[in-house]
N, C-alpha and C. Protein backbone atom coordinates (compact mmCIF):
# COMPACT_ATOMS: atom_id res chain seq x y z
N MET A 1 179.62 105.60 -6.18
CA MET A 1 179.39 105.78 -7.55
C MET A 1 180.70 105.68 -8.38
N ASP A 2 180.59 105.10 -9.37
CA ASP A 2 181.86 104.95 -10.27
C ASP A 2 181.73 105.65 -11.56
N GLN A 3 181.56 106.78 -11.39
CA GLN A 3 181.55 107.81 -12.71
C GLN A 3 182.96 107.77 -13.31
N GLY A 4 183.91 107.80 -12.47
CA GLY A 4 185.41 107.72 -13.03
C GLY A 4 185.70 106.42 -13.77
N LEU A 5 185.20 105.24 -13.16
CA LEU A 5 185.36 104.03 -13.80
C LEU A 5 184.67 104.03 -15.21
N LEU A 6 183.53 104.41 -15.30
CA LEU A 6 182.94 104.46 -16.65
C LEU A 6 183.44 105.53 -17.60
N ALA A 7 183.75 106.56 -16.98
CA ALA A 7 184.50 107.51 -17.97
C ALA A 7 185.95 107.09 -18.49
N ASP A 8 186.64 106.33 -17.59
CA ASP A 8 187.85 105.82 -18.07
C ASP A 8 187.65 104.88 -19.17
N ALA A 9 186.68 103.93 -19.20
CA ALA A 9 186.31 103.02 -19.97
C ALA A 9 186.08 103.57 -21.32
N LEU A 10 185.28 104.66 -21.37
CA LEU A 10 184.93 105.51 -22.59
C LEU A 10 185.89 106.47 -23.06
N GLY A 11 186.77 106.73 -22.38
CA GLY A 11 187.84 107.74 -22.65
C GLY A 11 187.21 109.16 -22.54
N ALA A 12 186.21 109.23 -21.62
CA ALA A 12 185.53 110.61 -21.45
C ALA A 12 186.27 111.44 -20.57
N ASP A 13 186.15 112.82 -20.91
CA ASP A 13 186.58 113.90 -20.16
C ASP A 13 185.63 114.32 -19.25
N LEU A 14 185.80 114.30 -17.83
CA LEU A 14 184.74 114.65 -16.88
C LEU A 14 184.76 116.17 -16.52
N THR A 15 185.79 116.87 -17.02
CA THR A 15 185.84 118.13 -16.80
C THR A 15 184.57 118.97 -17.28
N ALA A 16 184.26 118.62 -18.43
CA ALA A 16 182.91 119.09 -19.14
C ALA A 16 181.60 119.17 -18.38
N VAL A 17 181.58 118.05 -17.43
CA VAL A 17 180.33 117.91 -16.77
C VAL A 17 180.33 118.31 -15.34
N GLY A 18 181.37 118.78 -14.84
CA GLY A 18 181.47 119.35 -13.58
C GLY A 18 180.96 118.31 -12.45
N GLY A 19 180.66 118.85 -11.27
CA GLY A 19 180.07 118.06 -10.12
C GLY A 19 178.44 118.13 -10.01
N SER A 20 178.10 117.64 -9.11
CA SER A 20 176.47 117.51 -8.98
C SER A 20 176.18 117.76 -7.51
N GLU A 21 175.20 118.49 -7.18
CA GLU A 21 174.77 118.55 -5.75
C GLU A 21 174.07 117.31 -5.29
N ALA A 22 173.54 116.63 -6.07
CA ALA A 22 172.98 115.37 -5.83
C ALA A 22 174.14 114.14 -5.58
N PRO A 23 174.39 113.58 -4.52
CA PRO A 23 175.43 112.75 -4.37
C PRO A 23 175.42 111.52 -5.05
N SER A 24 174.10 111.16 -5.39
CA SER A 24 174.08 109.83 -6.12
C SER A 24 173.68 109.91 -7.67
N MET A 25 173.95 111.07 -8.16
CA MET A 25 173.78 111.39 -9.65
C MET A 25 174.93 112.00 -10.29
N ARG A 26 175.18 111.46 -11.41
CA ARG A 26 176.37 111.89 -12.24
C ARG A 26 176.35 111.74 -13.76
N LEU A 27 177.00 112.40 -14.48
CA LEU A 27 176.82 112.33 -15.86
C LEU A 27 178.23 111.80 -16.53
N VAL A 28 178.21 111.02 -17.51
CA VAL A 28 179.46 110.71 -18.20
C VAL A 28 179.17 110.92 -19.55
N PRO A 29 179.96 111.79 -20.25
CA PRO A 29 179.70 112.11 -21.69
C PRO A 29 179.97 110.85 -22.61
N LEU A 30 179.28 110.72 -23.46
CA LEU A 30 179.41 109.74 -24.50
C LEU A 30 180.22 110.12 -25.83
N PRO A 31 180.75 109.22 -26.47
CA PRO A 31 181.52 109.82 -27.55
C PRO A 31 180.68 110.65 -28.59
N ALA A 32 181.33 111.68 -29.16
CA ALA A 32 180.61 112.43 -30.07
C ALA A 32 179.71 111.76 -31.08
N GLY A 33 178.56 112.27 -31.32
CA GLY A 33 177.79 111.70 -32.33
C GLY A 33 176.81 110.60 -31.84
N LEU A 34 177.09 110.14 -30.64
CA LEU A 34 176.09 109.04 -30.02
C LEU A 34 175.02 109.77 -29.10
N ALA A 35 173.90 109.16 -29.45
CA ALA A 35 172.61 109.87 -28.56
C ALA A 35 172.52 111.39 -28.55
N ALA A 36 172.72 111.92 -29.73
CA ALA A 36 172.81 113.30 -29.90
C ALA A 36 171.47 113.99 -29.85
N ASP A 37 170.28 113.29 -29.91
CA ASP A 37 168.92 113.81 -29.86
C ASP A 37 168.09 112.75 -28.87
N HIS A 38 166.88 113.28 -28.47
CA HIS A 38 165.92 112.43 -27.77
C HIS A 38 165.70 111.08 -28.33
N GLU A 39 165.53 111.00 -29.51
CA GLU A 39 165.13 109.72 -30.09
C GLU A 39 166.39 108.62 -30.14
N ALA A 40 167.59 109.13 -30.42
CA ALA A 40 168.70 108.39 -30.46
C ALA A 40 169.22 108.04 -29.08
N SER A 41 168.87 108.75 -28.01
CA SER A 41 169.07 108.42 -26.77
C SER A 41 168.41 107.33 -26.23
N HIS A 42 167.02 107.09 -26.58
CA HIS A 42 166.11 106.08 -26.31
C HIS A 42 166.56 104.77 -27.04
N VAL A 43 166.95 104.93 -28.22
CA VAL A 43 167.42 103.78 -29.06
C VAL A 43 168.52 103.24 -28.42
N LEU A 44 169.53 103.86 -27.96
CA LEU A 44 170.85 103.48 -27.33
C LEU A 44 170.58 102.91 -25.92
N GLN A 45 169.65 103.37 -25.26
CA GLN A 45 169.35 103.09 -23.98
C GLN A 45 168.74 101.59 -24.08
N ARG A 46 167.86 101.39 -25.09
CA ARG A 46 167.27 100.04 -25.23
C ARG A 46 168.35 99.08 -25.78
N ARG A 47 169.17 99.47 -26.55
CA ARG A 47 170.18 98.59 -27.08
C ARG A 47 171.31 98.18 -25.70
N ILE A 48 171.45 99.13 -24.97
CA ILE A 48 172.39 98.72 -23.95
C ILE A 48 171.66 97.65 -22.96
N ALA A 49 170.48 97.80 -22.82
CA ALA A 49 169.66 96.98 -21.98
C ALA A 49 169.58 95.72 -22.45
N ALA A 50 169.32 95.47 -23.73
CA ALA A 50 169.29 94.20 -24.49
C ALA A 50 170.59 93.53 -24.58
N ASP A 51 171.70 94.22 -24.94
CA ASP A 51 172.84 93.61 -25.04
C ASP A 51 173.72 93.42 -23.72
N THR A 52 173.45 94.19 -22.71
CA THR A 52 174.20 93.95 -21.38
C THR A 52 173.40 93.60 -20.21
N GLY A 53 171.99 93.79 -20.23
CA GLY A 53 171.17 93.47 -19.19
C GLY A 53 171.27 94.55 -18.11
N CYS A 54 171.99 95.61 -18.55
CA CYS A 54 172.04 96.68 -17.59
C CYS A 54 171.11 97.82 -17.99
N GLU A 55 170.30 98.41 -16.98
CA GLU A 55 169.46 99.34 -17.26
C GLU A 55 170.09 100.80 -16.79
N THR A 56 169.87 101.52 -18.14
CA THR A 56 170.83 102.80 -17.93
C THR A 56 169.99 103.87 -18.28
N ALA A 57 170.18 105.05 -18.17
CA ALA A 57 169.63 106.39 -18.51
C ALA A 57 170.45 107.08 -19.47
N ILE A 58 170.11 107.26 -20.72
CA ILE A 58 170.83 107.96 -21.75
C ILE A 58 170.00 109.26 -21.90
N THR A 59 170.70 110.34 -21.93
CA THR A 59 170.14 111.58 -22.11
C THR A 59 170.95 112.41 -23.17
N SER A 60 170.23 113.43 -23.69
CA SER A 60 171.09 114.46 -24.65
C SER A 60 170.87 115.76 -24.21
N TRP A 61 171.67 116.54 -24.53
CA TRP A 61 171.70 117.95 -24.33
C TRP A 61 172.65 118.77 -25.25
N ASP A 62 171.80 119.65 -25.93
CA ASP A 62 172.64 120.44 -26.89
C ASP A 62 173.57 119.73 -27.94
N GLY A 63 172.89 118.53 -28.36
CA GLY A 63 173.52 117.71 -29.40
C GLY A 63 174.48 116.77 -28.87
N ARG A 64 174.61 116.59 -27.62
CA ARG A 64 175.53 115.81 -27.06
C ARG A 64 174.95 114.64 -26.31
N GLY A 65 175.34 113.28 -26.34
CA GLY A 65 174.82 112.35 -25.47
C GLY A 65 175.46 111.98 -24.13
N PHE A 66 174.80 111.70 -23.16
CA PHE A 66 175.30 111.43 -21.79
C PHE A 66 174.76 110.20 -21.20
N LEU A 67 175.56 109.47 -20.57
CA LEU A 67 175.07 108.38 -19.54
C LEU A 67 174.73 108.99 -18.30
N ARG A 68 173.61 108.90 -17.88
CA ARG A 68 173.37 109.61 -16.53
C ARG A 68 173.08 108.43 -15.58
N LEU A 69 174.09 108.58 -14.52
CA LEU A 69 174.21 107.58 -13.46
C LEU A 69 173.39 107.96 -12.32
N SER A 70 172.52 107.35 -11.76
CA SER A 70 171.73 107.36 -10.56
C SER A 70 171.77 106.14 -9.67
N ALA A 71 172.82 106.31 -8.81
CA ALA A 71 173.16 105.02 -7.99
C ALA A 71 171.93 104.87 -6.90
N HIS A 72 171.77 103.75 -6.40
CA HIS A 72 170.96 103.36 -5.41
C HIS A 72 171.56 102.30 -4.49
N LEU A 73 170.95 102.16 -3.27
CA LEU A 73 171.81 101.19 -2.40
C LEU A 73 171.99 99.75 -2.96
N TYR A 74 171.08 99.36 -3.91
CA TYR A 74 171.31 98.04 -4.35
C TYR A 74 172.26 97.89 -5.45
N ASN A 75 172.85 99.08 -6.04
CA ASN A 75 173.88 99.11 -7.15
C ASN A 75 175.29 98.71 -6.24
N THR A 76 176.05 97.72 -6.99
CA THR A 76 177.32 97.43 -6.31
C THR A 76 178.43 97.76 -7.56
N VAL A 77 179.66 97.87 -7.04
CA VAL A 77 180.60 98.18 -7.85
C VAL A 77 180.77 97.20 -8.98
N SER A 78 180.42 95.94 -8.67
CA SER A 78 180.40 94.89 -9.81
C SER A 78 179.57 95.23 -10.98
N ASP A 79 178.43 95.92 -10.53
CA ASP A 79 177.47 96.30 -11.63
C ASP A 79 178.15 97.42 -12.60
N TYR A 80 178.90 98.31 -11.87
CA TYR A 80 179.50 99.35 -12.69
C TYR A 80 180.57 98.68 -13.59
N GLU A 81 181.39 97.86 -12.88
CA GLU A 81 182.42 97.13 -13.81
C GLU A 81 181.94 96.37 -14.73
N ARG A 82 180.85 95.67 -14.70
CA ARG A 82 180.38 94.98 -15.79
C ARG A 82 179.92 95.87 -16.91
N LEU A 83 179.25 96.98 -16.64
CA LEU A 83 178.98 98.04 -17.54
C LEU A 83 180.12 98.58 -18.23
N ALA A 84 181.21 98.75 -17.43
CA ALA A 84 182.29 99.61 -17.98
C ALA A 84 183.07 98.51 -18.93
N GLU A 85 183.05 97.23 -18.78
CA GLU A 85 183.74 96.25 -19.54
C GLU A 85 182.95 96.06 -20.79
N HIS A 86 181.54 96.10 -20.86
CA HIS A 86 180.79 95.92 -22.15
C HIS A 86 180.53 97.13 -22.88
N LEU A 87 180.35 98.30 -22.27
CA LEU A 87 179.90 99.54 -22.96
C LEU A 87 180.90 99.95 -24.11
N PRO A 88 182.15 99.97 -23.89
CA PRO A 88 183.03 100.52 -24.99
C PRO A 88 182.75 99.66 -26.27
N GLY A 89 182.71 98.42 -26.36
CA GLY A 89 182.52 97.48 -27.45
C GLY A 89 181.23 97.78 -28.15
N LEU A 90 180.11 97.92 -27.15
CA LEU A 90 178.91 98.14 -27.71
C LEU A 90 178.64 99.39 -28.40
N LEU A 91 179.31 100.55 -27.88
CA LEU A 91 179.18 101.77 -28.60
C LEU A 91 180.05 101.97 -29.87
N ARG A 92 181.01 100.82 -30.04
CA ARG A 92 181.74 100.92 -31.33
C ARG A 92 180.96 99.96 -32.40
N ALA A 93 180.17 99.28 -32.03
CA ALA A 93 179.41 98.32 -32.85
C ALA A 93 178.45 99.10 -33.64
C-alpha cells in the first residue's frame, strides 16, 4: 500500500494517524478544511471519482477529513501513483 506516496503528494503528516492493525487499511490526512463533515466527505469523494476515475473513500472525524485507503489484490502501484499525481491539483481547485 502506498500511504507514504499519497501523504507525500499532499504534504500530509502521518504521525497523527498512527498505524493500523489491518494491514490493507490506512488513513491519509487531507488538508485542513477539506471533508470536515459527512456531507463534504461525500461531495469530495464523488468529485475525485468524476475527475480522476479513481474510486476513493473519504471520511471525516472530529472536523478533519481523511482519505481512507483500503487496498485489494487488484490495486497496483500505478493506481496509487496516478491518484498521487492528480489529487493535489484537484484539492487546490
